Protein backbone atom coordinates (compact mmCIF):
# COMPACT_ATOMS: atom_id res chain seq x y z
CA MET A 1 305.12 134.53 40.73
CA ASN A 2 303.47 132.74 37.80
CA ARG A 3 305.58 130.78 35.36
CA ILE A 4 304.58 131.13 31.70
CA VAL A 5 306.05 128.56 29.32
CA HIS A 6 306.02 129.48 25.64
CA ILE A 7 306.37 126.73 23.03
CA ILE A 8 307.27 127.19 19.36
CA LYS A 9 308.74 125.13 16.54
CA ALA A 10 311.45 127.05 14.72
CA THR A 11 313.61 126.52 11.67
CA GLY A 12 314.99 130.06 11.63
CA ILE A 13 314.11 133.58 12.76
CA ALA A 14 310.99 134.77 10.96
CA GLY A 15 308.09 136.94 12.12
CA ALA A 16 306.82 134.77 14.97
CA GLU A 17 310.31 134.14 16.33
CA GLN A 18 311.24 137.82 16.12
CA HIS A 19 307.98 138.63 17.85
CA LEU A 20 308.99 136.43 20.79
CA ILE A 21 312.50 137.89 20.94
CA THR A 22 310.89 141.31 21.26
CA MET A 23 308.03 140.39 23.59
CA LEU A 24 309.32 137.86 26.12
CA PRO A 25 311.86 140.04 27.94
CA GLU A 26 309.30 142.83 28.39
CA PHE A 27 306.83 141.08 30.69
CA ASP A 28 306.59 142.27 34.29
CA LYS A 29 309.29 140.24 36.04
CA ARG A 30 307.58 140.73 39.39
CA SER A 31 304.54 138.83 38.14
CA PHE A 32 305.77 136.46 35.45
CA ASP A 33 308.63 134.00 35.12
CA ILE A 34 309.05 133.52 31.37
CA TYR A 35 310.49 130.35 29.82
CA ILE A 36 310.48 129.04 26.26
CA ILE A 37 310.75 125.55 24.79
CA VAL A 38 311.81 125.55 21.13
CA LEU A 39 311.08 122.49 19.00
CA THR A 40 313.91 122.09 16.49
CA GLU A 41 314.72 119.68 13.69
CA PRO A 42 318.02 117.75 14.01
CA GLU A 43 319.48 119.36 10.89
CA LYS A 44 318.21 122.85 11.77
CA PRO A 45 319.36 123.71 15.30
CA VAL A 46 318.58 127.45 14.89
CA ASP A 47 321.47 128.44 17.12
CA GLU A 48 320.88 132.07 16.12
CA LEU A 49 317.49 132.01 17.85
CA PHE A 50 318.90 130.66 21.11
CA PHE A 51 321.69 133.24 20.95
CA ALA A 52 319.14 136.04 20.47
CA LEU A 53 317.04 134.77 23.40
CA GLU A 54 320.12 134.58 25.59
CA GLN A 55 321.05 138.14 24.64
CA VAL A 56 317.70 139.46 25.89
CA GLY A 57 317.79 137.35 29.06
CA VAL A 58 315.12 134.76 28.27
CA ASN A 59 315.63 131.21 29.57
CA SER A 60 315.17 128.64 26.81
CA GLU A 61 315.74 125.02 25.93
CA ARG A 62 315.75 122.88 22.80
CA MET A 63 313.50 119.86 22.27
CA LEU A 64 314.13 117.84 19.12
CA ILE A 65 311.29 116.91 16.78
CA SER A 66 312.20 114.38 14.11
CA SER A 67 309.12 114.70 11.90
CA ASN A 68 305.68 116.26 11.68
CA SER A 69 304.23 113.13 13.29
CA ASP A 70 306.80 112.64 16.05
CA LEU A 71 304.45 111.58 18.84
CA SER A 72 307.35 111.16 21.25
CA VAL A 73 307.32 114.95 21.52
CA VAL A 74 304.09 114.76 23.50
CA ILE A 75 305.59 112.31 26.01
CA ARG A 76 308.76 114.34 26.44
CA MET A 77 306.79 117.58 26.63
CA VAL A 78 304.49 116.20 29.33
CA ARG A 79 307.47 115.23 31.47
CA ARG A 80 309.12 118.60 31.03
CA LEU A 81 305.97 120.58 31.76
CA ARG A 82 305.42 118.60 34.94
CA ASP A 83 308.94 119.58 36.01
CA LEU A 84 308.44 123.24 35.11
CA ALA A 85 304.91 123.40 36.62
CA PRO A 86 303.76 126.48 34.70
CA SER A 87 300.56 128.38 35.43
CA ILE A 88 300.07 128.95 31.68
CA VAL A 89 301.41 127.35 28.51
CA HIS A 90 301.43 129.71 25.53
CA THR A 91 301.85 128.06 22.10
CA HIS A 92 302.93 129.51 18.76
CA LEU A 93 302.63 127.97 15.25
CA ILE A 94 301.08 124.69 14.19
CA HIS A 95 303.38 122.08 15.81
CA ALA A 96 303.30 123.80 19.18
CA ASP A 97 299.55 124.41 18.87
CA ILE A 98 298.98 120.66 18.53
CA TYR A 99 301.73 118.97 20.55
CA GLY A 100 302.04 121.72 23.14
CA ALA A 101 298.31 122.00 23.86
CA ILE A 102 297.84 118.24 24.21
CA ALA A 103 300.92 117.87 26.41
CA ALA A 104 299.88 120.79 28.60
CA ARG A 105 296.49 119.23 29.26
CA ILE A 106 297.96 115.81 30.06
CA ALA A 107 300.52 117.46 32.35
CA GLY A 108 297.74 119.24 34.23
CA VAL A 109 298.71 122.80 33.29
CA PRO A 110 295.88 125.06 34.53
CA ALA A 111 295.55 127.15 31.34
CA VAL A 112 296.64 127.08 27.70
CA ILE A 113 296.82 130.01 25.28
CA SER A 114 297.49 129.78 21.55
CA SER A 115 298.73 132.71 19.49
CA ARG A 116 297.67 132.53 15.85
CA HIS A 117 300.28 134.23 13.67
CA ASN A 118 298.97 133.56 10.19
CA ASP A 119 295.97 132.70 8.06
CA ASP A 120 297.78 129.68 6.63
CA PRO A 121 295.67 127.93 3.95
CA PHE A 122 296.77 124.51 5.18
CA ARG A 123 294.85 125.06 8.43
CA SER A 124 291.62 124.85 6.40
CA GLN A 125 292.50 121.57 4.68
CA TRP A 126 291.23 118.16 5.74
CA PRO A 127 292.23 116.29 7.89
CA LEU A 128 294.23 118.99 9.70
CA SER A 129 291.19 121.22 10.02
CA ILE A 130 289.36 118.48 11.92
CA LEU A 131 292.37 117.76 14.12
CA LEU A 132 292.69 121.43 15.03
CA ARG A 133 289.03 121.66 16.03
CA ILE A 134 289.59 118.74 18.39
CA VAL A 135 292.88 120.06 19.81
CA ASN A 136 291.38 123.53 20.25
CA ARG A 137 289.23 122.08 23.02
CA CYS A 138 292.44 121.87 25.06
CA ILE A 139 292.98 125.63 24.67
CA ASN A 140 291.40 128.17 26.99
CA ARG A 141 292.05 131.30 25.02
CA PHE A 142 293.41 132.43 21.67
CA ILE A 143 295.36 135.50 20.58
CA SER A 144 295.33 136.62 16.94
CA ILE A 145 297.95 139.03 15.67
CA SER A 146 295.48 140.74 13.30
CA GLU A 147 291.74 141.01 12.85
CA ARG A 148 292.04 139.04 9.62
CA VAL A 149 293.67 136.14 11.48
CA ARG A 150 290.98 136.39 14.16
CA VAL A 151 288.19 136.07 11.59
CA PHE A 152 290.04 133.25 9.82
CA THR A 153 290.41 131.31 13.08
CA ILE A 154 286.76 131.77 13.99
CA GLU A 155 285.50 130.71 10.56
CA ASN A 156 287.92 127.86 9.84
CA GLU A 157 288.52 126.36 13.26
CA ARG A 158 285.14 127.11 14.83
CA VAL A 159 286.77 128.95 17.73
CA PRO A 160 284.09 130.94 19.63
CA ALA A 161 284.50 134.64 18.96
CA SER A 162 284.37 135.32 22.70
CA LEU A 163 287.55 133.31 23.27
CA ILE A 164 289.88 135.06 20.82
CA ASP A 165 291.42 138.51 21.21
CA THR A 166 293.44 140.53 18.73
CA VAL A 167 296.76 141.86 19.97
CA TYR A 168 298.92 143.45 17.29
CA TYR A 169 302.64 142.90 17.09
CA GLY A 170 304.65 145.67 18.66
CA LEU A 171 307.89 147.13 17.39
CA PRO A 172 310.50 148.58 19.75
CA GLY A 173 311.67 152.10 19.13
CA TYR A 174 314.98 152.00 17.28
CA GLU A 175 317.67 154.56 17.93
CA TYR A 176 318.97 155.25 14.45
CA ASN A 177 322.75 155.32 14.35
CA SER A 178 324.10 156.71 11.08
CA GLY A 179 327.46 155.18 11.92
CA SER A 180 326.08 151.65 11.64
CA MET A 181 324.17 152.29 8.42
CA ILE A 182 325.14 150.02 5.54
CA ASP A 183 325.36 151.55 2.08
CA ALA A 184 323.42 148.77 0.37
CA ARG A 185 324.25 149.90 -3.15
CA SER A 186 327.96 149.74 -2.46
CA GLU A 187 327.74 146.61 -0.30
CA PHE A 188 325.93 144.59 -2.95
CA GLY A 189 327.33 146.17 -6.09
CA LEU A 190 324.14 147.91 -7.23
CA SER A 191 323.62 151.02 -9.32
CA LYS A 192 322.90 154.46 -7.87
CA GLY A 193 319.30 154.38 -9.13
CA PRO A 194 316.11 153.62 -7.14
CA LEU A 195 316.56 150.79 -4.66
CA LEU A 196 313.72 148.47 -3.72
CA VAL A 197 314.08 146.18 -0.72
CA CYS A 198 312.06 143.08 0.21
CA ALA A 199 312.74 141.33 3.52
CA ALA A 200 310.98 137.97 3.58
CA ARG A 201 311.70 134.25 3.64
CA LEU A 202 312.05 132.76 0.18
CA THR A 203 308.89 130.68 0.31
CA GLU A 204 305.75 130.42 -1.77
CA GLN A 205 303.80 132.48 0.75
CA LYS A 206 305.89 135.60 0.15
CA GLY A 207 305.16 135.74 -3.59
CA HIS A 208 308.67 136.50 -4.84
CA LYS A 209 307.87 135.11 -8.29
CA TRP A 210 305.26 137.82 -8.75
CA LEU A 211 307.66 140.46 -7.49
CA LEU A 212 310.40 139.40 -9.90
CA ARG A 213 308.02 139.47 -12.85
CA ALA A 214 306.84 142.91 -11.80
CA PHE A 215 310.41 144.10 -11.40
CA ARG A 216 311.18 143.03 -14.96
CA SER A 217 308.59 145.63 -16.06
CA VAL A 218 310.02 148.21 -13.66
CA VAL A 219 313.49 147.80 -15.14
CA ASP A 220 312.07 148.30 -18.63
CA GLN A 221 310.87 151.74 -17.51
CA LEU A 222 313.65 152.57 -15.03
CA PRO A 223 316.87 150.84 -16.17
CA GLU A 224 318.81 152.06 -13.13
CA ALA A 225 316.45 150.44 -10.61
CA SER A 226 317.68 147.67 -8.27
CA LEU A 227 316.02 145.07 -6.07
CA LEU A 228 317.59 143.69 -2.91
CA LEU A 229 316.09 140.50 -1.46
CA LEU A 230 316.81 139.98 2.23
CA GLY A 231 316.05 136.49 3.48
CA ASP A 232 316.61 132.85 2.65
CA GLY A 233 314.49 129.77 2.16
CA PRO A 234 313.75 126.68 0.09
CA LEU A 235 312.92 128.60 -3.11
CA ARG A 236 316.23 130.43 -3.37
CA GLU A 237 317.71 128.32 -6.17
CA HIS A 238 314.48 128.45 -8.17
CA LEU A 239 314.21 132.20 -7.75
CA GLU A 240 317.83 132.71 -8.77
CA ASP A 241 317.03 130.80 -11.97
CA THR A 242 313.97 133.02 -12.48
CA VAL A 243 316.15 136.13 -12.24
CA ILE A 244 318.47 134.75 -14.93
CA ASN A 245 315.56 133.79 -17.17
CA LEU A 246 314.03 137.25 -16.84
CA GLY A 247 317.34 138.88 -17.75
CA ILE A 248 317.56 141.03 -14.62
CA SER A 249 320.61 139.49 -12.95
CA LYS A 250 322.55 142.74 -12.78
CA HIS A 251 319.61 144.46 -11.09
CA VAL A 252 318.77 141.87 -8.40
CA ARG A 253 320.75 140.66 -5.39
CA PHE A 254 320.03 137.81 -3.00
CA ALA A 255 321.49 138.86 0.34
CA GLY A 256 320.45 135.76 2.29
CA TRP A 257 319.47 135.78 5.94
CA ARG A 258 320.81 138.93 7.64
CA THR A 259 321.02 140.08 11.23
CA ASP A 260 321.56 143.70 10.16
CA VAL A 261 318.32 144.38 8.29
CA MET A 262 317.73 147.54 10.33
CA ASP A 263 321.09 148.89 9.15
CA ILE A 264 320.27 148.15 5.51
CA LEU A 265 316.75 149.59 5.34
CA PRO A 266 317.77 153.26 5.48
CA SER A 267 319.46 152.84 2.07
CA ALA A 268 316.19 151.84 0.42
CA ASP A 269 313.83 154.09 -1.50
CA LEU A 270 310.85 151.75 -1.33
CA PHE A 271 309.89 148.57 0.55
CA VAL A 272 307.95 145.89 -1.33
CA LEU A 273 306.12 142.76 -0.17
CA ALA A 274 304.23 140.54 -2.62
CA SER A 275 302.77 137.97 -0.20
CA GLU A 276 300.05 135.59 -1.36
CA TRP A 277 298.81 135.39 2.23
CA GLU A 278 300.08 137.13 5.36
CA GLY A 279 298.89 137.16 8.95
CA PHE A 280 300.51 140.49 9.70
CA GLY A 281 303.87 141.35 8.12
CA LEU A 282 306.31 142.40 10.84
CA ALA A 283 308.83 143.47 8.19
CA LEU A 284 306.36 146.16 7.15
CA LEU A 285 306.59 147.75 10.60
CA GLU A 286 310.37 147.68 10.43
CA ALA A 287 310.31 149.47 7.06
CA MET A 288 307.72 151.99 8.23
CA SER A 289 309.81 152.77 11.31
CA PHE A 290 312.44 154.16 8.91
CA SER A 291 309.85 156.28 7.06
CA LEU A 292 309.86 154.03 4.02
CA SER A 293 306.86 153.96 1.73
CA ILE A 294 305.36 150.54 1.10
CA VAL A 295 304.03 148.70 -1.93
CA ALA A 296 302.38 145.48 -0.80
CA THR A 297 299.62 143.05 -1.58
CA GLU A 298 296.18 143.51 -0.08
CA VAL A 299 296.02 140.16 1.71
CA GLY A 300 295.54 138.95 5.28
CA GLY A 301 296.45 141.48 7.94
CA ILE A 302 298.47 143.75 5.63
CA PRO A 303 295.64 146.32 5.15
CA GLU A 304 295.56 146.68 8.94
CA VAL A 305 299.23 147.67 8.87
CA VAL A 306 299.57 149.59 5.60
CA LEU A 307 296.82 152.09 4.85
CA ASP A 308 296.33 152.33 1.10
CA GLY A 309 296.96 155.86 -0.14
CA GLU A 310 298.12 157.00 3.30
CA THR A 311 301.21 154.96 4.21
CA GLY A 312 301.68 153.13 0.93
CA TRP A 313 300.14 151.41 -2.08
CA LEU A 314 298.18 148.13 -1.90
CA VAL A 315 297.52 145.83 -4.86
CA GLN A 316 295.86 142.49 -5.50
CA ALA A 317 298.01 139.42 -4.88
CA LYS A 318 299.39 137.38 -7.80
CA ASP A 319 299.10 140.33 -10.17
CA SER A 320 302.57 141.29 -11.37
CA ASP A 321 301.22 144.01 -13.69
CA ALA A 322 299.39 145.77 -10.86
CA LEU A 323 302.45 145.39 -8.63
CA ALA A 324 304.72 146.91 -11.29
CA GLY A 325 302.26 149.75 -11.86
CA SER A 326 302.19 150.72 -8.18
CA ILE A 327 305.96 150.47 -7.84
CA LEU A 328 306.41 152.78 -10.82
CA ALA A 329 303.72 155.15 -9.53
CA ALA A 330 305.49 155.35 -6.17
CA LEU A 331 308.96 155.92 -7.62
CA ARG A 332 307.59 158.65 -9.89
CA SER A 333 305.93 160.44 -6.97
CA PRO A 334 308.78 161.34 -4.60
CA HIS A 335 306.73 163.84 -2.61
CA GLN A 336 303.95 161.31 -2.03
CA MET A 337 306.53 158.72 -1.03
CA LEU A 338 307.93 161.10 1.57
CA GLU A 339 304.47 161.78 2.97
CA CYS A 340 303.58 158.09 3.06
CA GLY A 341 306.85 157.40 4.85
CA ARG A 342 306.17 160.12 7.40
CA MET A 343 302.66 158.85 8.09
CA GLY A 344 303.89 155.27 8.28
CA LYS A 345 306.41 156.09 10.98
CA LEU A 346 303.74 157.87 13.00
CA ARG A 347 301.46 154.87 12.61
CA VAL A 348 304.09 152.52 14.01
CA GLN A 349 304.66 154.79 16.99
CA ASN A 350 300.97 155.29 17.76
CA THR A 351 299.47 151.87 16.97
CA PHE A 352 302.15 149.19 17.05
CA SER A 353 304.13 149.81 20.21
CA VAL A 354 305.66 147.09 22.38
CA GLU A 355 304.02 148.70 25.40
CA LYS A 356 300.52 148.16 23.97
CA MET A 357 301.36 144.59 23.02
CA ILE A 358 302.63 143.75 26.52
CA VAL A 359 299.77 145.45 28.37
CA ASN A 360 297.13 143.60 26.39
CA THR A 361 298.90 140.24 26.57
CA GLU A 362 299.32 140.57 30.33
CA LYS A 363 295.59 141.35 30.58
CA ILE A 364 294.85 137.99 28.99
CA TYR A 365 297.31 136.20 31.28
CA ASN A 366 295.80 137.82 34.36
CA LEU A 367 292.28 137.03 33.18
CA LEU A 368 293.10 133.33 32.99
CA LEU A 369 295.03 133.35 36.26
CA THR A 370 292.10 135.03 38.03
CA LYS A 371 289.64 132.56 36.50
CA ASN A 372 291.78 129.66 37.67
CA VAL A 373 291.84 130.99 41.23
CA CYS A 374 288.05 131.30 41.18
CA VAL A 375 287.69 127.84 39.67
CA ASN A 376 289.83 126.27 42.38
CA ILE A 377 287.89 128.00 45.13
CA ILE A 378 284.36 127.58 43.80
CA ASP A 379 284.34 124.32 41.86
CA SER A 380 287.39 122.29 40.99
CA ARG A 381 285.40 120.45 38.33
CA HIS A 382 284.53 123.58 36.34
CA ASP A 383 286.33 123.99 32.99
CA VAL A 384 287.94 127.40 32.62
CA SER A 385 287.36 127.34 28.86
CA SER A 386 283.60 127.60 29.42
CA SER A 387 283.99 131.26 30.33
CA HIS A 388 282.82 133.65 27.63
CA GLU A 389 284.22 136.73 29.28
CA GLY A 390 287.38 138.54 28.28
CA ILE A 391 289.08 141.75 27.38
CA ASN A 392 287.75 144.04 24.70
CA LYS A 393 287.74 142.30 21.33
CA ASP A 394 288.67 145.50 19.52
CA THR A 395 292.14 145.58 18.04
CA VAL A 396 294.71 147.39 20.12
C-alpha cells in the first residue's frame, strides 16, 4: 500500500479545505493510505477542520507555522516526512507548495504533486514568482482545478504544459431532507420577498463591495428583496459599515461561518458570487445542486462551471451596474430561472462528480508510482520530473 501525505495551510474551511474533506476519504483504501498535515497559525487552530476530517475517517495532524517566513517548518516537516515515509506528497495552497515541496525533496520522498486551487494575483508578483519557479523544480506533477488555473500556472510559473492536468472539483450527491431545511427568511428576520444568497469568505477576492453596491440598486427596484451573506473573514466590519452607509441594513444579513449551508440554500431564489478572481468556485456547485440559478462574475474558472445563458448569468467583475442588471433580469424571469436551475443541477451530476475527481486523481498517483518503479529499476539517477507523459490534458 502506498502512503500519500497531503499538506495544506488552513485558517478555516474554504474551498480547498472542503475539497479535501470530500476527496480524501474516497480514495481506494486497498491502494492508498491517506494522511494529512495541516499547517495552522497559533491563534487559528481550525479545530472545525480537524473535527470534519475525523468525522470522515481521515488521519491528520497539526503543525504550527508562526509566520509566512517560518523556516523551522521545513526542518520539522522533513523529520515528520521521514517518519511517515510516503510514496507521494501532495501539496495544496502557497505555504504547502513552498515548504512542503522543499521538505519532501530533502526527506527523499519519491514524488511530489501540487494542486493549484486558484489564479491568485500574488503568484505573479516578484519576488514570489521567481521563488515559485525555483520551488516548482521540486515538483513532479501539477493538478489544476480548472482550465483557467492550468493556463495561469503555465504562463506565470513556467510549468511545462505536459506536467499539469486539470481535474475538476467533485461534489457528492446530497440527499435532500426537507426536515432539516432552514427557513432563512424566518431564521434571519428577512422579508418574504426575493432572497439572494452569497456563500463566500469576506475577503477582497470575493468582491462583496461590488455585490453590496449592486444590491442597493436591486432594492431600489424590488424593495422586498433580501441578501444573505454566508461566511466570515477580515473584511466583515468594513462590509457591515458599507451596508449601513448604503442604507440597506434591513435588507442584508451577515450570517457568519456556517456548517449548515446546504440546509439554508433551498430557501434562496438566486445565488450570487461577485468574485474579482476565482480558481473554480465550489459554492457554485453547491448552489447548482439545489437547482438554484446563478449570477456570477466571468472570471477565472467560473465560466467553466456556470454556462452563461444556460445555467445562469455571467457579468464582468467590478461592475456593480452590470451585476445589478443581471440580478434584476433573473428575478424578473422566473421561468428562465427555473430552467437555468434545472440545467445547473444536471451539469453538476454529469460533469462535477466525486467519482470523476477520484478516478482522475488516482490516475495521476498511479502514473507517478509506476514511473518511480521504472526509475528505480532502470536508472536510480534519472529524475522522474523529466517525463513528459501523462493522462489526457482535457478537462474531466
